[in-house]
Amino acid sequence: MIASNAGREEVVEGLSEIVLENGKSITLKDLIRSNPEDILGRRHTAKYGSETAVLVKVLDAGERLTIQVHPDREFAQSAFQSVFGKTEAWYILGGRTIGGEDPYVLLGFKPGMTQAKWKKLFEDQDIPGMIGALHKIPVQPGDVFLVEGGVPHAIGSGCFLIEIQEPTDYTLRVERTTPRGHSLPDQACHQGLGFERMLECFHYEAYDEQETLSRWKKEPALVRQLAGGSEYALIDHSSTDRFRMHLLEIQDELQVEGNGTFSIAIVISGTGTIVCRGQAQDVSQADEIFFPAVLEQVNWINTGKEPMKVILCYPPE
């Protein structure tokens, strides 16, 4: 995916680059196009071609992000002629207090919200009113949230998280000025749709806090527990068909089967070694690894005193 940022149209952003053994570099996108079946998997390429159908980021919010919404697939098809919307999920890594405020997220409309009320808040640029219309949820390391297309949200200041999402950058913003006072051009708010059409992207269902958390805050589900470690499903088929996210907790050694699909791993704590096809690579906290579909299995070996924790991200099946 190439990012589309107002005022930076001539800058190519958002493409991962790989340095090869010969010192030359190639974008991950071009590498995938050179051999999509081995890298993404036969079943995946039969449906999506050389498109990964998933995007993974690590975000550290120095300020609250503007209140925004992403399209569901129906709206994305109609408004952007895209087969992908931008449903996403967050795994909270941690956070810090900024301006005396602990990390939080804004998520979902409170009861009583209507499209007419939201339009009025937007037209008046009543930022406190818009913030107050959403649930403010404190976050802790290990929390998982699913943010479906159409659901209003904002990542609060001090949040440090992994985000997995559909591979688009369709972000519609209702704040025309950032929390630090920077004015946003209209294009950055409505992505060329116009403000009336932008407001149609929101889902105006409103829930109390308990139901909001029940719908979109996800609890880990144990997949397997072995002597060498455990695997948990954080986002699975019961939550969405857009992607999957798992957590590995490796005490000693844990083997992960490839199952004919690629995966993206982020080491969130500890140190260790990964072994695949007889080749070993040391890894540690903050390392990100792309595993092509052709790999049948990967052995994760913990070499530290504490358990090594890894987030595994998968495309849709």
C-alpha atoms as a PDB file:
ATOM      1  CA  MET A   1       0.000   0.000   0.000  1.00  0.00           C
ATOM      2  CA  ILE A   2       1.218   3.521  -0.835  1.00  0.00           C
ATOM      3  CA  ALA A   3       0.181   6.184   1.652  1.00  0.00           C
ATOM      4  CA  SER A   4      -1.793   9.143   0.349  1.00  0.00           C
ATOM      5  CA  ASN A   5      -1.060  12.272   2.379  1.00  0.00           C
ATOM      6  CA  ALA A   6      -2.395  15.688   1.450  1.00  0.00           C
ATOM      7  CA  GLY A   7       0.487  17.993   0.540  1.00  0.00           C
ATOM      8  CA  ARG A   8       2.876  15.064   0.002  1.00  0.00           C
ATOM      9  CA  GLU A   9       1.417  13.591  -3.180  1.00  0.00           C
ATOM     10  CA  GLU A  10       4.821  13.382  -4.891  1.00  0.00           C
ATOM     11  CA  VAL A  11       6.452  11.484  -2.011  1.00  0.00           C
ATOM     12  CA  VAL A  12       6.358   7.682  -2.087  1.00  0.00           C
ATOM     13  CA  GLU A  13       5.561   6.563   1.455  1.00  0.00           C
ATOM     14  CA  GLY A  14       4.432   3.376   3.108  1.00  0.00           C
ATOM     15  CA  LEU A  15       6.503   0.848   1.135  1.00  0.00           C
ATOM     16  CA  SER A  16       8.764  -1.523   3.076  1.00  0.00           C
ATOM     17  CA  GLU A  17      12.240  -1.916   1.604  1.00  0.00           C
ATOM     18  CA  ILE A  18      14.451  -5.000   1.820  1.00  0.00           C
ATOM     19  CA  VAL A  19      18.251  -5.001   1.510  1.00  0.00           C
ATOM     20  CA  LEU A  20      19.404  -8.166  -0.264  1.00  0.00           C
ATOM     21  CA  GLU A  21      22.587 -10.146   0.407  1.00  0.00           C
ATOM     22  CA  ASN A  22      24.284  -8.432  -2.549  1.00  0.00           C
ATOM     23  CA  GLY A  23      23.671  -5.032  -0.979  1.00  0.00           C
ATOM     24  CA  LYS A  24      20.977  -4.013  -3.438  1.00  0.00           C
ATOM     25  CA  SER A  25      17.518  -3.079  -2.191  1.00  0.00           C
ATOM     26  CA  ILE A  26      14.047  -3.950  -3.407  1.00  0.00           C
ATOM     27  CA  THR A  27      10.629  -3.054  -2.086  1.00  0.00           C
ATOM     28  CA  LEU A  28       8.679  -5.844  -0.435  1.00  0.00           C
ATOM     29  CA  LYS A  29       5.925  -5.149  -2.956  1.00  0.00           C
ATOM     30  CA  ASP A  30       8.246  -5.831  -5.912  1.00  0.00           C
ATOM     31  CA  LEU A  31       9.702  -8.905  -4.222  1.00  0.00           C
ATOM     32  CA  ILE A  32       6.210 -10.331  -3.751  1.00  0.00           C
ATOM     33  CA  ARG A  33       5.342  -9.635  -7.390  1.00  0.00           C
ATOM     34  CA  SER A  34       8.393 -11.623  -8.456  1.00  0.00           C
ATOM     35  CA  ASN A  35       7.056 -14.831  -6.836  1.00  0.00           C
ATOM     36  CA  PRO A  36       3.641 -14.327  -5.233  1.00  0.00           C
ATOM     37  CA  GLU A  37       2.705 -17.984  -4.732  1.00  0.00           C
ATOM     38  CA  ASP A  38       5.817 -18.845  -2.704  1.00  0.00           C
ATOM     39  CA  ILE A  39       5.688 -15.629  -0.686  1.00  0.00           C
ATOM     40  CA  LEU A  40       1.948 -15.181  -0.096  1.00  0.00           C
ATOM     41  CA  GLY A  41       0.650 -18.704  -0.660  1.00  0.00           C
ATOM     42  CA  ARG A  42      -1.290 -20.419  -3.430  1.00  0.00           C
ATOM     43  CA  ARG A  43      -4.723 -20.047  -1.839  1.00  0.00           C
ATOM     44  CA  HIS A  44      -4.065 -16.402  -1.039  1.00  0.00           C
ATOM     45  CA  THR A  45      -2.881 -15.451  -4.534  1.00  0.00           C
ATOM     46  CA  ALA A  46      -5.834 -17.258  -6.098  1.00  0.00           C
ATOM     47  CA  LYS A  47      -8.112 -14.775  -4.325  1.00  0.00           C
ATOM     48  CA  TYR A  48      -5.995 -11.631  -3.900  1.00  0.00           C
ATOM     49  CA  GLY A  49      -3.226 -11.897  -6.509  1.00  0.00           C
ATOM     50  CA  SER A  50      -0.027 -10.204  -5.325  1.00  0.00           C
ATOM     51  CA  GLU A  51      -1.927  -8.048  -2.788  1.00  0.00           C
ATOM     52  CA  THR A  52      -1.096  -8.936   0.838  1.00  0.00           C
ATOM     53  CA  ALA A  53      -4.670  -8.023   1.910  1.00  0.00           C
ATOM     54  CA  VAL A  54      -3.309  -6.962   5.313  1.00  0.00           C
ATOM     55  CA  LEU A  55      -1.125  -4.198   6.752  1.00  0.00           C
ATOM     56  CA  VAL A  56       0.672  -4.147  10.118  1.00  0.00           C
ATOM     57  CA  LYS A  57       1.992  -1.045  11.904  1.00  0.00           C
ATOM     58  CA  VAL A  58       3.539  -0.066  15.222  1.00  0.00           C
ATOM     59  CA  LEU A  59       2.184   3.296  16.435  1.00  0.00           C
ATOM     60  CA  ASP A  60       3.359   5.574  19.251  1.00  0.00           C
ATOM     61  CA  ALA A  61       0.958   8.484  19.777  1.00  0.00           C
ATOM     62  CA  GLY A  62       2.714  11.592  21.043  1.00  0.00           C
ATOM     63  CA  GLU A  63      -0.627  13.391  20.938  1.00  0.00           C
ATOM     64  CA  ARG A  64      -4.235  12.354  20.597  1.00  0.00           C
ATOM     65  CA  LEU A  65      -5.057  11.486  17.013  1.00  0.00           C
ATOM     66  CA  THR A  66      -7.938  13.364  15.437  1.00  0.00           C
ATOM     67  CA  ILE A  67     -11.371  11.767  15.705  1.00  0.00           C
ATOM     68  CA  GLN A  68     -11.838   9.676  12.587  1.00  0.00           C
ATOM     69  CA  VAL A  69     -13.620   6.863  10.860  1.00  0.00           C
ATOM     70  CA  HIS A  70     -12.617   4.302   8.231  1.00  0.00           C
ATOM     71  CA  PRO A  71     -14.962   2.850   5.618  1.00  0.00           C
ATOM     72  CA  ASP A  72     -16.439  -0.606   5.754  1.00  0.00           C
ATOM     73  CA  ARG A  73     -16.105  -2.596   2.531  1.00  0.00           C
ATOM     74  CA  GLU A  74     -19.481  -1.529   1.168  1.00  0.00           C
ATOM     75  CA  PHE A  75     -18.707   2.162   1.586  1.00  0.00           C
ATOM     76  CA  ALA A  76     -15.145   1.691   0.277  1.00  0.00           C
ATOM     77  CA  GLN A  77     -16.471  -0.003  -2.855  1.00  0.00           C
ATOM     78  CA  SER A  78     -19.025   2.736  -3.462  1.00  0.00           C
ATOM     79  CA  ALA A  79     -16.876   5.758  -2.575  1.00  0.00           C
ATOM     80  CA  PHE A  80     -13.346   4.643  -3.471  1.00  0.00           C
ATOM     81  CA  GLN A  81     -13.926   1.685  -5.840  1.00  0.00           C
ATOM     82  CA  SER A  82     -11.873  -0.430  -3.458  1.00  0.00           C
ATOM     83  CA  VAL A  83     -12.440  -4.075  -2.544  1.00  0.00           C
ATOM     84  CA  PHE A  84     -10.916  -3.308   0.872  1.00  0.00           C
ATOM     85  CA  GLY A  85     -12.273  -1.084   3.609  1.00  0.00           C
ATOM     86  CA  LYS A  86     -10.200  -0.315   6.700  1.00  0.00           C
ATOM     87  CA  THR A  87     -11.317  -2.453   9.594  1.00  0.00           C
ATOM     88  CA  GLU A  88      -8.428  -2.583  12.065  1.00  0.00           C
ATOM     89  CA  ALA A  89      -7.433  -3.971  15.460  1.00  0.00           C
ATOM     90  CA  TRP A  90      -5.107  -2.719  18.187  1.00  0.00           C
ATOM     91  CA  TYR A  91      -2.859  -4.630  20.572  1.00  0.00           C
ATOM     92  CA  ILE A  92      -1.771  -2.275  23.346  1.00  0.00           C
ATOM     93  CA  LEU A  93       1.956  -2.618  24.018  1.00  0.00           C
ATOM     94  CA  GLY A  94       2.105   0.053  26.695  1.00  0.00           C
ATOM     95  CA  GLY A  95       1.987   3.781  27.102  1.00  0.00           C
ATOM     96  CA  ARG A  96       3.032   6.827  29.038  1.00  0.00           C
ATOM     97  CA  THR A  97       1.382   9.719  30.816  1.00  0.00           C
ATOM     98  CA  ILE A  98       1.277  12.915  28.745  1.00  0.00           C
ATOM     99  CA  GLY A  99       0.015  16.193  30.160  1.00  0.00           C
ATOM    100  CA  GLY A 100      -1.098  14.405  33.308  1.00  0.00           C
ATOM    101  CA  GLU A 101      -3.336  12.037  31.344  1.00  0.00           C
ATOM    102  CA  ASP A 102      -2.879   8.265  31.231  1.00  0.00           C
ATOM    103  CA  PRO A 103      -3.199   6.394  27.898  1.00  0.00           C
ATOM    104  CA  TYR A 104      -6.719   5.894  26.551  1.00  0.00           C
ATOM    105  CA  VAL A 105      -8.697   5.402  23.357  1.00  0.00           C
ATOM    106  CA  LEU A 106     -11.945   6.965  22.163  1.00  0.00           C
ATOM    107  CA  LEU A 107     -14.241   4.328  20.687  1.00  0.00           C
ATOM    108  CA  GLY A 108     -17.855   4.256  19.545  1.00  0.00           C
ATOM    109  CA  PHE A 109     -20.808   6.599  19.974  1.00  0.00           C
ATOM    110  CA  LYS A 110     -22.489   6.988  23.353  1.00  0.00           C
ATOM    111  CA  PRO A 111     -26.260   6.476  23.527  1.00  0.00           C
ATOM    112  CA  GLY A 112     -28.299   9.307  22.067  1.00  0.00           C
ATOM    113  CA  MET A 113     -26.076  10.105  19.090  1.00  0.00           C
ATOM    114  CA  THR A 114     -27.735  10.592  15.700  1.00  0.00           C
ATOM    115  CA  GLN A 115     -26.436  11.564  12.289  1.00  0.00           C
ATOM    116  CA  ALA A 116     -28.056  14.997  12.639  1.00  0.00           C
ATOM    117  CA  LYS A 117     -26.418  15.612  16.031  1.00  0.00           C
ATOM    118  CA  TRP A 118     -23.021  14.474  14.748  1.00  0.00           C
ATOM    119  CA  LYS A 119     -23.327  16.704  11.685  1.00  0.00           C
ATOM    120  CA  LYS A 120     -24.087  19.691  13.938  1.00  0.00           C
ATOM    121  CA  LEU A 121     -21.056  18.976  16.141  1.00  0.00           C
ATOM    122  CA  PHE A 122     -18.902  18.720  13.014  1.00  0.00           C
ATOM    123  CA  GLU A 123     -20.231  21.904  11.407  1.00  0.00           C
ATOM    124  CA  ASP A 124     -19.718  23.830  14.655  1.00  0.00           C
ATOM    125  CA  GLN A 125     -16.294  22.192  15.071  1.00  0.00           C
ATOM    126  CA  ASP A 126     -17.316  21.518  18.660  1.00  0.00           C
ATOM    127  CA  ILE A 127     -14.275  19.423  19.552  1.00  0.00           C
ATOM    128  CA  PRO A 128     -15.165  18.944  23.250  1.00  0.00           C
ATOM    129  CA  GLY A 129     -18.653  17.921  22.129  1.00  0.00           C
ATOM    130  CA  MET A 130     -17.283  15.369  19.663  1.00  0.00           C
ATOM    131  CA  ILE A 131     -14.872  13.969  22.247  1.00  0.00           C
ATOM    132  CA  GLY A 132     -17.685  13.766  24.783  1.00  0.00           C
ATOM    133  CA  ALA A 133     -19.864  11.871  22.305  1.00  0.00           C
ATOM    134  CA  LEU A 134     -17.415   8.932  22.285  1.00  0.00           C
ATOM    135  CA  HIS A 135     -16.508   6.453  25.009  1.00  0.00           C
ATOM    136  CA  LYS A 136     -13.160   7.222  26.661  1.00  0.00           C
ATOM    137  CA  ILE A 137     -11.562   3.903  27.570  1.00  0.00           C
ATOM    138  CA  PRO A 138      -8.358   3.613  29.646  1.00  0.00           C
ATOM    139  CA  VAL A 139      -5.928   1.060  28.223  1.00  0.00           C
ATOM    140  CA  GLN A 140      -3.388  -1.335  29.710  1.00  0.00           C
ATOM    141  CA  PRO A 141      -0.645  -3.453  28.099  1.00  0.00           C
ATOM    142  CA  GLY A 142      -2.205  -6.542  26.535  1.00  0.00           C
ATOM    143  CA  ASP A 143      -5.586  -4.960  25.796  1.00  0.00           C
ATOM    144  CA  VAL A 144      -7.021  -5.822  22.370  1.00  0.00           C
ATOM    145  CA  PHE A 145      -9.624  -3.779  20.503  1.00  0.00           C
ATOM    146  CA  LEU A 146     -11.356  -4.432  17.184  1.00  0.00           C
ATOM    147  CA  VAL A 147     -12.290  -1.246  15.299  1.00  0.00           C
ATOM    148  CA  GLU A 148     -14.699  -2.124  12.526  1.00  0.00           C
ATOM    149  CA  GLY A 149     -15.216   0.089   9.498  1.00  0.00           C
ATOM    150  CA  GLY A 150     -17.761   2.799  10.278  1.00  0.00           C
ATOM    151  CA  VAL A 151     -16.973   3.000  14.014  1.00  0.00           C
ATOM    152  CA  PRO A 152     -15.749   6.457  15.181  1.00  0.00           C
ATOM    153  CA  HIS A 153     -12.520   6.383  17.160  1.00  0.00           C
ATOM    154  CA  ALA A 154      -9.279   8.086  18.109  1.00  0.00           C
ATOM    155  CA  ILE A 155      -6.054   6.834  19.661  1.00  0.00           C
ATOM    156  CA  GLY A 156      -5.279   8.883  22.752  1.00  0.00           C
ATOM    157  CA  SER A 157      -1.952  10.482  23.595  1.00  0.00           C
ATOM    158  CA  GLY A 158       0.643   8.164  25.115  1.00  0.00           C
ATOM    159  CA  CYS A 159      -0.710   4.987  23.485  1.00  0.00           C
ATOM    160  CA  PHE A 160       1.894   2.565  22.135  1.00  0.00           C
ATOM    161  CA  LEU A 161       0.345  -0.213  20.077  1.00  0.00           C
ATOM    162  CA  ILE A 162       0.458  -2.670  17.202  1.00  0.00           C
ATOM    163  CA  GLU A 163      -2.214  -2.110  14.571  1.00  0.00           C
ATOM    164  CA  ILE A 164      -3.331  -4.734  12.066  1.00  0.00           C
ATOM    165  CA  GLN A 165      -5.696  -3.567   9.337  1.00  0.00           C
ATOM    166  CA  GLU A 166      -7.044  -3.936   5.856  1.00  0.00           C
ATOM    167  CA  PRO A 167      -4.465  -2.533   3.394  1.00  0.00           C
ATOM    168  CA  THR A 168      -5.832   0.965   2.694  1.00  0.00           C
ATOM    169  CA  ASP A 169      -5.271   4.421   4.137  1.00  0.00           C
ATOM    170  CA  TYR A 170      -8.843   5.688   3.823  1.00  0.00           C
ATOM    171  CA  THR A 171      -9.116   7.895   6.900  1.00  0.00           C
ATOM    172  CA  LEU A 172     -11.948  10.418   7.217  1.00  0.00           C
ATOM    173  CA  ARG A 173     -11.451  13.063   9.911  1.00  0.00           C
ATOM    174  CA  VAL A 174     -14.061  15.283  11.550  1.00  0.00           C
ATOM    175  CA  GLU A 175     -11.603  17.574  13.324  1.00  0.00           C
ATOM    176  CA  ARG A 176     -10.313  20.245  10.961  1.00  0.00           C
ATOM    177  CA  THR A 177      -7.590  21.237  13.422  1.00  0.00           C
ATOM    178  CA  THR A 178      -5.261  18.799  15.209  1.00  0.00           C
ATOM    179  CA  PRO A 179      -4.943  18.835  19.009  1.00  0.00           C
ATOM    180  CA  ARG A 180      -1.683  20.785  18.578  1.00  0.00           C
ATOM    181  CA  GLY A 181      -3.429  23.418  16.508  1.00  0.00           C
ATOM    182  CA  HIS A 182      -2.397  22.465  12.965  1.00  0.00           C
ATOM    183  CA  SER A 183      -5.092  23.126  10.365  1.00  0.00           C
ATOM    184  CA  LEU A 184      -5.932  20.180   8.129  1.00  0.00           C
ATOM    185  CA  PRO A 185      -6.757  20.742   4.452  1.00  0.00           C
ATOM    186  CA  ASP A 186     -10.213  19.609   3.368  1.00  0.00           C
ATOM    187  CA  GLN A 187      -8.688  16.763   1.337  1.00  0.00           C
ATOM    188  CA  ALA A 188      -7.087  15.304   4.479  1.00  0.00           C
ATOM    189  CA  CYS A 189     -10.509  15.268   6.140  1.00  0.00           C
ATOM    190  CA  HIS A 190     -12.855  13.957   3.454  1.00  0.00           C
ATOM    191  CA  GLN A 191     -10.369  12.290   1.033  1.00  0.00           C
ATOM    192  CA  GLY A 192     -12.029  13.976  -1.924  1.00  0.00           C
ATOM    193  CA  LEU A 193     -15.562  12.846  -1.074  1.00  0.00           C
ATOM    194  CA  GLY A 194     -16.865  16.140   0.248  1.00  0.00           C
ATOM    195  CA  PHE A 195     -18.073  16.597   3.824  1.00  0.00           C
ATOM    196  CA  GLU A 196     -21.658  15.462   3.255  1.00  0.00           C
ATOM    197  CA  ARG A 197     -20.525  12.125   1.823  1.00  0.00           C
ATOM    198  CA  MET A 198     -17.865  11.794   4.521  1.00  0.00           C
ATOM    199  CA  LEU A 199     -20.499  11.898   7.261  1.00  0.00           C
ATOM    200  CA  GLU A 200     -22.303   8.980   5.587  1.00  0.00           C
ATOM    201  CA  CYS A 201     -19.304   6.749   6.323  1.00  0.00           C
ATOM    202  CA  PHE A 202     -20.096   6.650  10.050  1.00  0.00           C
ATOM    203  CA  HIS A 203     -22.223   3.917  11.568  1.00  0.00           C
ATOM    204  CA  TYR A 204     -24.573   5.724  13.918  1.00  0.00           C
ATOM    205  CA  GLU A 205     -25.409   2.796  16.195  1.00  0.00           C
ATOM    206  CA  ALA A 206     -24.821   3.943  19.773  1.00  0.00           C
ATOM    207  CA  TYR A 207     -24.114   1.695  22.765  1.00  0.00           C
ATOM    208  CA  ASP A 208     -23.468   2.102  26.461  1.00  0.00           C
ATOM    209  CA  GLU A 209     -19.950   1.506  27.723  1.00  0.00           C
ATOM    210  CA  GLN A 210     -20.532  -2.102  28.780  1.00  0.00           C
ATOM    211  CA  GLU A 211     -21.907  -3.098  25.386  1.00  0.00           C
ATOM    212  CA  THR A 212     -19.166  -1.137  23.592  1.00  0.00           C
ATOM    213  CA  LEU A 213     -16.523  -3.118  25.479  1.00  0.00           C
ATOM    214  CA  SER A 214     -18.416  -6.363  24.899  1.00  0.00           C
ATOM    215  CA  ARG A 215     -18.476  -5.730  21.147  1.00  0.00           C
ATOM    216  CA  TRP A 216     -14.987  -4.402  20.524  1.00  0.00           C
ATOM    217  CA  LYS A 217     -12.667  -5.265  23.420  1.00  0.00           C
ATOM    218  CA  LYS A 218     -11.404  -8.798  22.821  1.00  0.00           C
ATOM    219  CA  GLU A 219     -10.101 -11.324  25.345  1.00  0.00           C
ATOM    220  CA  PRO A 220      -7.291 -13.773  24.474  1.00  0.00           C
ATOM    221  CA  ALA A 221      -8.395 -17.335  23.759  1.00  0.00           C
ATOM    222  CA  LEU A 222      -5.973 -20.181  24.433  1.00  0.00           C
ATOM    223  CA  VAL A 223      -5.188 -22.095  21.218  1.00  0.00           C
ATOM    224  CA  ARG A 224      -2.612 -24.523  22.587  1.00  0.00           C
ATOM    225  CA  GLN A 225      -0.480 -24.956  25.685  1.00  0.00           C
ATOM    226  CA  LEU A 226       2.691 -27.043  25.568  1.00  0.00           C
ATOM    227  CA  ALA A 227       5.697 -27.506  27.814  1.00  0.00           C
ATOM    228  CA  GLY A 228       7.674 -25.093  25.624  1.00  0.00           C
ATOM    229  CA  GLY A 229       5.110 -22.324  25.465  1.00  0.00           C
ATOM    230  CA  SER A 230       1.574 -21.208  24.688  1.00  0.00           C
ATOM    231  CA  GLU A 231      -0.349 -19.657  21.798  1.00  0.00           C
ATOM    232  CA  TYR A 232      -3.380 -17.387  22.138  1.00  0.00           C
ATOM    233  CA  ALA A 233      -5.827 -16.058  19.541  1.00  0.00           C
ATOM    234  CA  LEU A 234      -6.298 -12.311  20.014  1.00  0.00           C
ATOM    235  CA  ILE A 235      -8.347 -11.667  16.859  1.00  0.00           C
ATOM    236  CA  ASP A 236      -9.827 -14.739  15.181  1.00  0.00           C
ATOM    237  CA  HIS A 237     -12.658 -15.757  12.832  1.00  0.00           C
ATOM    238  CA  SER A 238     -15.271 -15.163  15.518  1.00  0.00           C
ATOM    239  CA  SER A 239     -14.288 -11.462  15.545  1.00  0.00           C
ATOM    240  CA  THR A 240     -13.698 -10.695  11.857  1.00  0.00           C
ATOM    241  CA  ASP A 241     -12.788 -12.320   8.551  1.00  0.00           C
ATOM    242  CA  ARG A 242     -10.415  -9.469   7.637  1.00  0.00           C
ATOM    243  CA  PHE A 243      -7.268 -10.755   9.406  1.00  0.00           C
ATOM    244  CA  ARG A 244      -6.019 -12.746  12.409  1.00  0.00           C
ATOM    245  CA  MET A 245      -3.702 -11.876  15.283  1.00  0.00           C
ATOM    246  CA  HIS A 246      -2.099 -14.361  17.704  1.00  0.00           C
ATOM    247  CA  LEU A 247       0.211 -14.111  20.713  1.00  0.00           C
ATOM    248  CA  LEU A 248       3.058 -16.543  21.388  1.00  0.00           C
ATOM    249  CA  GLU A 249       4.475 -16.891  24.914  1.00  0.00           C
ATOM    250  CA  ILE A 250       7.645 -18.963  24.579  1.00  0.00           C
ATOM    251  CA  GLN A 251       9.099 -20.449  27.738  1.00  0.00           C
ATOM    252  CA  ASP A 252      11.577 -22.770  26.029  1.00  0.00           C
ATOM    253  CA  GLU A 253      10.781 -23.712  22.414  1.00  0.00           C
ATOM    254  CA  LEU A 254       7.613 -23.499  20.341  1.00  0.00           C
ATOM    255  CA  GLN A 255       7.024 -24.657  16.778  1.00  0.00           C
ATOM    256  CA  VAL A 256       4.625 -22.768  14.515  1.00  0.00           C
ATOM    257  CA  GLU A 257       3.280 -24.412  11.364  1.00  0.00           C
ATOM    258  CA  GLY A 258       3.145 -22.360   8.168  1.00  0.00           C
ATOM    259  CA  ASN A 259      -0.084 -23.899   6.829  1.00  0.00           C
ATOM    260  CA  GLY A 260       0.541 -22.410   3.388  1.00  0.00           C
ATOM    261  CA  THR A 261       0.130 -18.776   4.370  1.00  0.00           C
ATOM    262  CA  PHE A 262       2.494 -15.914   5.164  1.00  0.00           C
ATOM    263  CA  SER A 263       2.732 -14.179   8.523  1.00  0.00           C
ATOM    264  CA  ILE A 264       4.248 -11.074  10.073  1.00  0.00           C
ATOM    265  CA  ALA A 265       5.861 -11.380  13.507  1.00  0.00           C
ATOM    266  CA  ILE A 266       6.776  -8.669  16.002  1.00  0.00           C
ATOM    267  CA  VAL A 267       8.858  -9.573  19.057  1.00  0.00           C
ATOM    268  CA  ILE A 268       7.354  -7.586  21.927  1.00  0.00           C
ATOM    269  CA  SER A 269       9.587  -8.847  24.742  1.00  0.00           C
ATOM    270  CA  GLY A 270      12.527 -11.145  25.376  1.00  0.00           C
ATOM    271  CA  THR A 271      15.279 -12.574  23.207  1.00  0.00           C
ATOM    272  CA  GLY A 272      15.570 -15.741  21.199  1.00  0.00           C
ATOM    273  CA  THR A 273      16.405 -17.532  17.986  1.00  0.00           C
ATOM    274  CA  ILE A 274      14.201 -18.496  15.076  1.00  0.00           C
ATOM    275  CA  VAL A 275      15.110 -21.588  13.063  1.00  0.00           C
ATOM    276  CA  CYS A 276      13.621 -22.385   9.660  1.00  0.00           C
ATOM    277  CA  ARG A 277      14.950 -24.753   7.028  1.00  0.00           C
ATOM    278  CA  GLY A 278      18.134 -25.214   9.010  1.00  0.00           C
ATOM    279  CA  GLN A 279      18.915 -21.495   9.138  1.00  0.00           C
ATOM    280  CA  ALA A 280      19.017 -19.636  12.455  1.00  0.00           C
ATOM    281  CA  GLN A 281      18.467 -15.955  13.166  1.00  0.00           C
ATOM    282  CA  ASP A 282      18.728 -14.222  16.529  1.00  0.00           C
ATOM    283  CA  VAL A 283      15.819 -11.938  17.424  1.00  0.00           C
ATOM    284  CA  SER A 284      14.986  -9.571  20.252  1.00  0.00           C
ATOM    285  CA  GLN A 285      12.409  -7.026  21.336  1.00  0.00           C
ATOM    286  CA  ALA A 286      11.136  -4.745  18.518  1.00  0.00           C
ATOM    287  CA  ASP A 287      12.317  -7.035  15.700  1.00  0.00           C
ATOM    288  CA  GLU A 288       9.789  -7.478  12.891  1.00  0.00           C
ATOM    289  CA  ILE A 289       9.958 -10.540  10.639  1.00  0.00           C
ATOM    290  CA  PHE A 290       8.063 -11.457   7.462  1.00  0.00           C
ATOM    291  CA  PHE A 291       7.653 -15.230   7.014  1.00  0.00           C
ATOM    292  CA  PRO A 292       6.775 -16.300   3.440  1.00  0.00           C
ATOM    293  CA  ALA A 293       4.120 -18.935   2.869  1.00  0.00           C
ATOM    294  CA  VAL A 294       6.630 -21.419   1.450  1.00  0.00           C
ATOM    295  CA  LEU A 295       8.039 -22.015   4.950  1.00  0.00           C
ATOM    296  CA  GLU A 296       6.455 -25.145   6.381  1.00  0.00           C
ATOM    297  CA  GLN A 297       7.371 -24.419   9.981  1.00  0.00           C
ATOM    298  CA  VAL A 298       9.277 -22.010  12.214  1.00  0.00           C
ATOM    299  CA  ASN A 299      10.859 -22.945  15.537  1.00  0.00           C
ATOM    300  CA  TRP A 300      10.972 -20.190  18.153  1.00  0.00           C
ATOM    301  CA  ILE A 301      13.634 -20.759  20.814  1.00  0.00           C
ATOM    302  CA  ASN A 302      13.763 -18.611  23.928  1.00  0.00           C
ATOM    303  CA  THR A 303      17.329 -17.718  24.939  1.00  0.00           C
ATOM    304  CA  GLY A 304      16.522 -15.285  27.760  1.00  0.00           C
ATOM    305  CA  LYS A 305      15.594 -15.677  31.399  1.00  0.00           C
ATOM    306  CA  GLU A 306      12.031 -14.441  30.940  1.00  0.00           C
ATOM    307  CA  PRO A 307       9.429 -15.745  28.462  1.00  0.00           C
ATOM    308  CA  MET A 308       9.705 -14.330  24.953  1.00  0.00           C
ATOM    309  CA  LYS A 309       6.462 -12.833  23.650  1.00  0.00           C
ATOM    310  CA  VAL A 310       5.663 -12.502  19.957  1.00  0.00           C
ATOM    311  CA  ILE A 311       2.672 -11.100  18.096  1.00  0.00           C
ATOM    312  CA  LEU A 312       1.845 -13.031  14.892  1.00  0.00           C
ATOM    313  CA  CYS A 313      -0.296 -11.322  12.265  1.00  0.00           C
ATOM    314  CA  TYR A 314      -2.021 -13.224   9.472  1.00  0.00           C
ATOM    315  CA  PRO A 315      -3.961 -12.225   6.335  1.00  0.00           C
ATOM    316  CA  PRO A 316      -7.575 -13.263   5.787  1.00  0.00           C
ATOM    317  CA  GLU A 317      -8.088 -16.905   4.865  1.00  0.00           C
END
